[in-house]
Amino acid sequence: MNYQKTYKAQMFNRGQSSKVFKEVCQDSIAACVIRNSEPYVAILKHEYFIDLLEKANKYDEMIKEAKK
């Protein structure tokens, strides 16, 4: 997945997390939080997360059916 925006973990320690969450939701982007120069965590809208879970579950079901 290509992230459209990256943020340093320090922002969250400085109380700027609401700014990040607002940007992710308003712009419908995926964001990556960098910690120690490495990707640490991804942030995305809840509806996108639910969609990914549903797709993963469907994929798992397809794999189980294919093994039968």
PDB file of N, CA and C in Angstrom:
ATOM      1  N   MET A   1       0.846  -1.186   0.000  1.00  0.00           N
ATOM      2  CA  MET A   1       0.000   0.000   0.000  1.00  0.00           C
ATOM      3  C   MET A   1       0.882   1.235   0.000  1.00  0.00           C
ATOM      4  N   ASN A   2       0.579   2.150  -0.839  1.00  0.00           N
ATOM      5  CA  ASN A   2       1.292   3.421  -0.865  1.00  0.00           C
ATOM      6  C   ASN A   2       0.590   4.402   0.054  1.00  0.00           C
ATOM      7  N   TYR A   3       1.351   4.928   0.988  1.00  0.00           N
ATOM      8  CA  TYR A   3       0.790   5.908   1.905  1.00  0.00           C
ATOM      9  C   TYR A   3       0.815   7.268   1.244  1.00  0.00           C
ATOM     10  N   GLN A   4      -0.234   8.002   1.444  1.00  0.00           N
ATOM     11  CA  GLN A   4      -0.314   9.324   0.848  1.00  0.00           C
ATOM     12  C   GLN A   4       0.284  10.390   1.756  1.00  0.00           C
ATOM     13  N   LYS A   5       0.543  10.019   2.999  1.00  0.00           N
ATOM     14  CA  LYS A   5       1.079  10.992   3.939  1.00  0.00           C
ATOM     15  C   LYS A   5       1.850  10.238   5.022  1.00  0.00           C
ATOM     16  N   THR A   6       2.928  10.808   5.494  1.00  0.00           N
ATOM     17  CA  THR A   6       3.666  10.213   6.603  1.00  0.00           C
ATOM     18  C   THR A   6       3.782  11.238   7.734  1.00  0.00           C
ATOM     19  N   TYR A   7       3.814  10.729   8.929  1.00  0.00           N
ATOM     20  CA  TYR A   7       3.923  11.567  10.125  1.00  0.00           C
ATOM     21  C   TYR A   7       4.973  10.964  11.040  1.00  0.00           C
ATOM     22  N   LYS A   8       5.639  11.804  11.781  1.00  0.00           N
ATOM     23  CA  LYS A   8       6.589  11.326  12.778  1.00  0.00           C
ATOM     24  C   LYS A   8       5.841  11.007  14.064  1.00  0.00           C
ATOM     25  N   ALA A   9       6.271   9.967  14.746  1.00  0.00           N
ATOM     26  CA  ALA A   9       5.635   9.569  16.006  1.00  0.00           C
ATOM     27  C   ALA A   9       5.697  10.686  17.041  1.00  0.00           C
ATOM     28  N   GLN A  10       6.663  11.550  16.940  1.00  0.00           N
ATOM     29  CA  GLN A  10       6.810  12.664  17.881  1.00  0.00           C
ATOM     30  C   GLN A  10       5.575  13.554  17.916  1.00  0.00           C
ATOM     31  N   MET A  11       4.869  13.643  16.789  1.00  0.00           N
ATOM     32  CA  MET A  11       3.656  14.469  16.751  1.00  0.00           C
ATOM     33  C   MET A  11       2.637  14.011  17.784  1.00  0.00           C
ATOM     34  N   PHE A  12       2.554  12.706  17.971  1.00  0.00           N
ATOM     35  CA  PHE A  12       1.585  12.153  18.915  1.00  0.00           C
ATOM     36  C   PHE A  12       2.005  12.439  20.348  1.00  0.00           C
ATOM     37  N   ASN A  13       3.303  12.476  20.589  1.00  0.00           N
ATOM     38  CA  ASN A  13       3.805  12.801  21.924  1.00  0.00           C
ATOM     39  C   ASN A  13       3.618  14.283  22.250  1.00  0.00           C
ATOM     40  N   ARG A  14       3.444  15.079  21.231  1.00  0.00           N
ATOM     41  CA  ARG A  14       3.294  16.525  21.426  1.00  0.00           C
ATOM     42  C   ARG A  14       1.840  16.973  21.365  1.00  0.00           C
ATOM     43  N   GLY A  15       0.926  16.022  21.401  1.00  0.00           N
ATOM     44  CA  GLY A  15      -0.487  16.367  21.453  1.00  0.00           C
ATOM     45  C   GLY A  15      -1.097  16.785  20.133  1.00  0.00           C
ATOM     46  N   GLN A  16      -0.514  16.354  19.021  1.00  0.00           N
ATOM     47  CA  GLN A  16      -1.028  16.738  17.711  1.00  0.00           C
ATOM     48  C   GLN A  16      -1.757  15.590  17.010  1.00  0.00           C
ATOM     49  N   SER A  17      -2.142  14.584  17.760  1.00  0.00           N
ATOM     50  CA  SER A  17      -2.791  13.423  17.151  1.00  0.00           C
ATOM     51  C   SER A  17      -4.133  13.783  16.520  1.00  0.00           C
ATOM     52  N   SER A  18      -4.877  14.683  17.132  1.00  0.00           N
ATOM     53  CA  SER A  18      -6.182  15.043  16.565  1.00  0.00           C
ATOM     54  C   SER A  18      -6.028  15.663  15.182  1.00  0.00           C
ATOM     55  N   LYS A  19      -4.953  16.397  14.951  1.00  0.00           N
ATOM     56  CA  LYS A  19      -4.684  16.982  13.634  1.00  0.00           C
ATOM     57  C   LYS A  19      -4.490  15.864  12.606  1.00  0.00           C
ATOM     58  N   VAL A  20      -3.725  14.855  12.973  1.00  0.00           N
ATOM     59  CA  VAL A  20      -3.466  13.728  12.067  1.00  0.00           C
ATOM     60  C   VAL A  20      -4.760  12.991  11.763  1.00  0.00           C
ATOM     61  N   PHE A  21      -5.527  12.663  12.795  1.00  0.00           N
ATOM     62  CA  PHE A  21      -6.779  11.929  12.601  1.00  0.00           C
ATOM     63  C   PHE A  21      -7.752  12.717  11.722  1.00  0.00           C
ATOM     64  N   LYS A  22      -7.804  14.016  11.935  1.00  0.00           N
ATOM     65  CA  LYS A  22      -8.696  14.864  11.148  1.00  0.00           C
ATOM     66  C   LYS A  22      -8.298  14.848   9.672  1.00  0.00           C
ATOM     67  N   GLU A  23      -7.007  14.954   9.394  1.00  0.00           N
ATOM     68  CA  GLU A  23      -6.534  14.937   8.010  1.00  0.00           C
ATOM     69  C   GLU A  23      -6.837  13.596   7.340  1.00  0.00           C
ATOM     70  N   VAL A  24      -6.617  12.508   8.049  1.00  0.00           N
ATOM     71  CA  VAL A  24      -6.867  11.173   7.497  1.00  0.00           C
ATOM     72  C   VAL A  24      -8.348  11.022   7.152  1.00  0.00           C
ATOM     73  N   CYS A  25      -9.213  11.441   8.040  1.00  0.00           N
ATOM     74  CA  CYS A  25     -10.656  11.300   7.806  1.00  0.00           C
ATOM     75  C   CYS A  25     -11.162  12.246   6.724  1.00  0.00           C
ATOM     76  N   GLN A  26     -10.778  13.491   6.785  1.00  0.00           N
ATOM     77  CA  GLN A  26     -11.275  14.477   5.819  1.00  0.00           C
ATOM     78  C   GLN A  26     -10.791  14.189   4.403  1.00  0.00           C
ATOM     79  N   ASP A  27      -9.521  13.796   4.284  1.00  0.00           N
ATOM     80  CA  ASP A  27      -8.931  13.601   2.961  1.00  0.00           C
ATOM     81  C   ASP A  27      -9.049  12.158   2.469  1.00  0.00           C
ATOM     82  N   SER A  28      -9.610  11.266   3.310  1.00  0.00           N
ATOM     83  CA  SER A  28      -9.738   9.843   2.973  1.00  0.00           C
ATOM     84  C   SER A  28      -8.411   9.273   2.478  1.00  0.00           C
ATOM     85  N   ILE A  29      -7.379   9.453   3.291  1.00  0.00           N
ATOM     86  CA  ILE A  29      -6.055   8.963   2.934  1.00  0.00           C
ATOM     87  C   ILE A  29      -5.601   7.889   3.911  1.00  0.00           C
ATOM     88  N   ALA A  30      -4.595   7.170   3.507  1.00  0.00           N
ATOM     89  CA  ALA A  30      -3.907   6.260   4.420  1.00  0.00           C
ATOM     90  C   ALA A  30      -2.634   6.973   4.849  1.00  0.00           C
ATOM     91  N   ALA A  31      -2.305   6.882   6.119  1.00  0.00           N
ATOM     92  CA  ALA A  31      -1.124   7.564   6.633  1.00  0.00           C
ATOM     93  C   ALA A  31      -0.216   6.566   7.332  1.00  0.00           C
ATOM     94  N   CYS A  32       1.055   6.839   7.284  1.00  0.00           N
ATOM     95  CA  CYS A  32       2.049   6.003   7.948  1.00  0.00           C
ATOM     96  C   CYS A  32       2.728   6.832   9.031  1.00  0.00           C
ATOM     97  N   VAL A  33       2.847   6.246  10.209  1.00  0.00           N
ATOM     98  CA  VAL A  33       3.554   6.902  11.300  1.00  0.00           C
ATOM     99  C   VAL A  33       4.953   6.302  11.358  1.00  0.00           C
ATOM    100  N   ILE A  34       5.954   7.174  11.332  1.00  0.00           N
ATOM    101  CA  ILE A  34       7.358   6.775  11.327  1.00  0.00           C
ATOM    102  C   ILE A  34       7.923   6.907  12.735  1.00  0.00           C
ATOM    103  N   ARG A  35       8.605   5.863  13.168  1.00  0.00           N
ATOM    104  CA  ARG A  35       9.264   5.886  14.480  1.00  0.00           C
ATOM    105  C   ARG A  35      10.669   5.329  14.291  1.00  0.00           C
ATOM    106  N   ASN A  36      11.663   6.057  14.733  1.00  0.00           N
ATOM    107  CA  ASN A  36      13.064   5.658  14.562  1.00  0.00           C
ATOM    108  C   ASN A  36      13.384   5.375  13.097  1.00  0.00           C
ATOM    109  N   SER A  37      12.895   6.214  12.218  1.00  0.00           N
ATOM    110  CA  SER A  37      13.120   6.138  10.774  1.00  0.00           C
ATOM    111  C   SER A  37      12.553   4.878  10.123  1.00  0.00           C
ATOM    112  N   GLU A  38      11.635   4.201  10.788  1.00  0.00           N
ATOM    113  CA  GLU A  38      11.004   2.993  10.266  1.00  0.00           C
ATOM    114  C   GLU A  38       9.486   3.131  10.331  1.00  0.00           C
ATOM    115  N   PRO A  39       8.758   2.559   9.369  1.00  0.00           N
ATOM    116  CA  PRO A  39       7.291   2.549   9.476  1.00  0.00           C
ATOM    117  C   PRO A  39       6.877   1.848  10.769  1.00  0.00           C
ATOM    118  N   TYR A  40       5.974   2.463  11.493  1.00  0.00           N
ATOM    119  CA  TYR A  40       5.581   1.957  12.809  1.00  0.00           C
ATOM    120  C   TYR A  40       4.117   1.516  12.832  1.00  0.00           C
ATOM    121  N   VAL A  41       3.236   2.360  12.322  1.00  0.00           N
ATOM    122  CA  VAL A  41       1.805   2.049  12.345  1.00  0.00           C
ATOM    123  C   VAL A  41       1.125   2.775  11.177  1.00  0.00           C
ATOM    124  N   ALA A  42       0.034   2.180  10.702  1.00  0.00           N
ATOM    125  CA  ALA A  42      -0.751   2.805   9.642  1.00  0.00           C
ATOM    126  C   ALA A  42      -2.055   3.325  10.227  1.00  0.00           C
ATOM    127  N   ILE A  43      -2.528   4.418   9.678  1.00  0.00           N
ATOM    128  CA  ILE A  43      -3.792   5.005  10.115  1.00  0.00           C
ATOM    129  C   ILE A  43      -4.687   5.123   8.886  1.00  0.00           C
ATOM    130  N   LEU A  44      -5.916   4.626   9.005  1.00  0.00           N
ATOM    131  CA  LEU A  44      -6.874   4.771   7.929  1.00  0.00           C
ATOM    132  C   LEU A  44      -8.267   4.901   8.507  1.00  0.00           C
ATOM    133  N   LYS A  45      -9.192   5.355   7.672  1.00  0.00           N
ATOM    134  CA  LYS A  45     -10.567   5.544   8.125  1.00  0.00           C
ATOM    135  C   LYS A  45     -11.155   4.203   8.563  1.00  0.00           C
ATOM    136  N   HIS A  46     -12.023   4.249   9.541  1.00  0.00           N
ATOM    137  CA  HIS A  46     -12.626   3.043  10.075  1.00  0.00           C
ATOM    138  C   HIS A  46     -13.365   2.252   9.002  1.00  0.00           C
ATOM    139  N   GLU A  47     -14.083   2.926   8.122  1.00  0.00           N
ATOM    140  CA  GLU A  47     -14.834   2.217   7.076  1.00  0.00           C
ATOM    141  C   GLU A  47     -13.895   1.459   6.140  1.00  0.00           C
ATOM    142  N   TYR A  48     -12.700   1.994   5.883  1.00  0.00           N
ATOM    143  CA  TYR A  48     -11.724   1.283   5.055  1.00  0.00           C
ATOM    144  C   TYR A  48     -11.187   0.060   5.788  1.00  0.00           C
ATOM    145  N   PHE A  49     -10.988   0.206   7.096  1.00  0.00           N
ATOM    146  CA  PHE A  49     -10.529  -0.918   7.911  1.00  0.00           C
ATOM    147  C   PHE A  49     -11.548  -2.050   7.891  1.00  0.00           C
ATOM    148  N   ILE A  50     -12.813  -1.724   8.071  1.00  0.00           N
ATOM    149  CA  ILE A  50     -13.870  -2.736   8.036  1.00  0.00           C
ATOM    150  C   ILE A  50     -13.921  -3.413   6.671  1.00  0.00           C
ATOM    151  N   ASP A  51     -13.781  -2.633   5.616  1.00  0.00           N
ATOM    152  CA  ASP A  51     -13.770  -3.175   4.258  1.00  0.00           C
ATOM    153  C   ASP A  51     -12.610  -4.154   4.081  1.00  0.00           C
ATOM    154  N   LEU A  52     -11.440  -3.809   4.585  1.00  0.00           N
ATOM    155  CA  LEU A  52     -10.293  -4.717   4.502  1.00  0.00           C
ATOM    156  C   LEU A  52     -10.535  -6.008   5.269  1.00  0.00           C
ATOM    157  N   LEU A  53     -11.143  -5.911   6.446  1.00  0.00           N
ATOM    158  CA  LEU A  53     -11.462  -7.118   7.221  1.00  0.00           C
ATOM    159  C   LEU A  53     -12.424  -8.023   6.475  1.00  0.00           C
ATOM    160  N   GLU A  54     -13.436  -7.433   5.875  1.00  0.00           N
ATOM    161  CA  GLU A  54     -14.409  -8.223   5.119  1.00  0.00           C
ATOM    162  C   GLU A  54     -13.748  -8.916   3.936  1.00  0.00           C
ATOM    163  N   LYS A  55     -12.877  -8.208   3.240  1.00  0.00           N
ATOM    164  CA  LYS A  55     -12.174  -8.810   2.107  1.00  0.00           C
ATOM    165  C   LYS A  55     -11.248  -9.932   2.571  1.00  0.00           C
ATOM    166  N   ALA A  56     -10.590  -9.735   3.684  1.00  0.00           N
ATOM    167  CA  ALA A  56      -9.708 -10.782   4.213  1.00  0.00           C
ATOM    168  C   ALA A  56     -10.508 -12.021   4.602  1.00  0.00           C
ATOM    169  N   ASN A  57     -11.668 -11.825   5.205  1.00  0.00           N
ATOM    170  CA  ASN A  57     -12.518 -12.958   5.572  1.00  0.00           C
ATOM    171  C   ASN A  57     -13.009 -13.704   4.343  1.00  0.00           C
ATOM    172  N   LYS A  58     -13.405 -12.987   3.308  1.00  0.00           N
ATOM    173  CA  LYS A  58     -13.838 -13.621   2.060  1.00  0.00           C
ATOM    174  C   LYS A  58     -12.697 -14.412   1.436  1.00  0.00           C
ATOM    175  N   TYR A  59     -11.503 -13.845   1.471  1.00  0.00           N
ATOM    176  CA  TYR A  59     -10.336 -14.523   0.929  1.00  0.00           C
ATOM    177  C   TYR A  59     -10.066 -15.815   1.698  1.00  0.00           C
ATOM    178  N   ASP A  60     -10.133 -15.737   3.030  1.00  0.00           N
ATOM    179  CA  ASP A  60      -9.926 -16.935   3.854  1.00  0.00           C
ATOM    180  C   ASP A  60     -10.945 -18.015   3.530  1.00  0.00           C
ATOM    181  N   GLU A  61     -12.200 -17.615   3.340  1.00  0.00           N
ATOM    182  CA  GLU A  61     -13.249 -18.576   2.987  1.00  0.00           C
ATOM    183  C   GLU A  61     -12.970 -19.212   1.628  1.00  0.00           C
ATOM    184  N   MET A  62     -12.509 -18.412   0.673  1.00  0.00           N
ATOM    185  CA  MET A  62     -12.188 -18.944  -0.647  1.00  0.00           C
ATOM    186  C   MET A  62     -11.051 -19.962  -0.570  1.00  0.00           C
ATOM    187  N   ILE A  63     -10.062 -19.681   0.230  1.00  0.00           N
ATOM    188  CA  ILE A  63      -8.921 -20.599   0.392  1.00  0.00           C
ATOM    189  C   ILE A  63      -9.389 -21.897   1.033  1.00  0.00           C
ATOM    190  N   LYS A  64     -10.234 -21.802   2.057  1.00  0.00           N
ATOM    191  CA  LYS A  64     -10.743 -23.014   2.720  1.00  0.00           C
ATOM    192  C   LYS A  64     -11.559 -23.862   1.740  1.00  0.00           C
ATOM    193  N   GLU A  65     -12.376 -23.230   0.912  1.00  0.00           N
ATOM    194  CA  GLU A  65     -13.177 -23.949  -0.065  1.00  0.00           C
ATOM    195  C   GLU A  65     -12.291 -24.595  -1.128  1.00  0.00           C
ATOM    196  N   ALA A  66     -11.250 -23.923  -1.522  1.00  0.00           N
ATOM    197  CA  ALA A  66     -10.355 -24.453  -2.546  1.00  0.00           C
ATOM    198  C   ALA A  66      -9.585 -25.677  -2.053  1.00  0.00           C
ATOM    199  N   LYS A  67      -9.335 -25.740  -0.746  1.00  0.00           N
ATOM    200  CA  LYS A  67      -8.602 -26.878  -0.174  1.00  0.00           C
ATOM    201  C   LYS A  67      -9.465 -28.113  -0.031  1.00  0.00           C
ATOM    202  N   LYS A  68     -10.787 -27.968  -0.108  1.00  0.00           N
ATOM    203  CA  LYS A  68     -11.692 -29.112   0.045  1.00  0.00           C
ATOM    204  C   LYS A  68     -11.672 -29.991  -1.153  1.00  0.00           C
TER     205      LYS A  68
END
